[in-house]
């Protein structure tokens, strides 16, 4: 049986996003060239929430985009014979921008590597800042976040589940530890 530990409730999640927005601004980006890009799926919702906070803090209107990395994955052949590809939507030019790449959980680094490939497909940004809600360690690629709300070390039998109201009808972050009788998450 799986054991679940609450990492963040709704209030803690809101506070974490406030700190993430402040952390992004502490990196001193040129707000006139700043743009947010959320990685499908939950990264998009987190980017939208960060946009609200950054717009308020900077008194500006930070453009936002959505990135699907499916075709850039290095394990594409292992996913499915007909992988489901979502929409990438970047309503701004990437060239010369300071891009904040947003995702919910950073684990192996493979998703971020694919996202970097996808972004440069659209142009050459001035800078890419990686902002994640949870950094769970155990990297396979040498990729580290510039901004992370929570950093934890996880074991191979653990998973971080981010649930957002817009997608899941509930709002929290859980650390799920799989028991010996569990076969999958």
Foldseek 3Di string as FASTA:
>chain_A
DKDKDFPWAQVLLLVLLLVQLVLVCVVPDPQVQEAEEAEPDVRQVSSVSNQVNNCVVVVHRHHYWYDYLQVLFPCNVVPDPDDDTDDTDDPDQQAQGAYEYEYAEAAACRSVVSVVVRSCVRPDYPHYAYEYAEYADPYNDPDDHSHYSYYHHDDPQWDKDADDCVPHVGGGIMIMGDDPVDDDD
